[in-house]
């Protein structure tokens, strides 16, 4: 999925139900409200190496805060030297906006 998009694509959502999908910040906020939630990123490098990052206890702010996310506790598998010190987008050469900031935590 091309992540080089404007703010509105992140607010409204992008992708499709049969492939890669980001439901959008509006829908995420409707689903979560003020309740804590867990988010997981499953990542695979071009050579097939797989890692994940999971954050529990997150909350997503309202539109008036530009959907500020309060990040909870990290758990995951990114121990290899290749992944150390790099956000997922840096490994793949793709970073963009809100999602990139979240992934690189």
Foldseek 3Di string as FASTA:
>chain_A
DAQADDLVCQQCWDDDPVDDTDRHLVVVCVVQPQHWAKDKDWDAAPVGDIKMKMWTRKGFDDVVVVRDIDTHDIDMDDPDPLRPPAFRCVRVVDADDPVNVVRRD
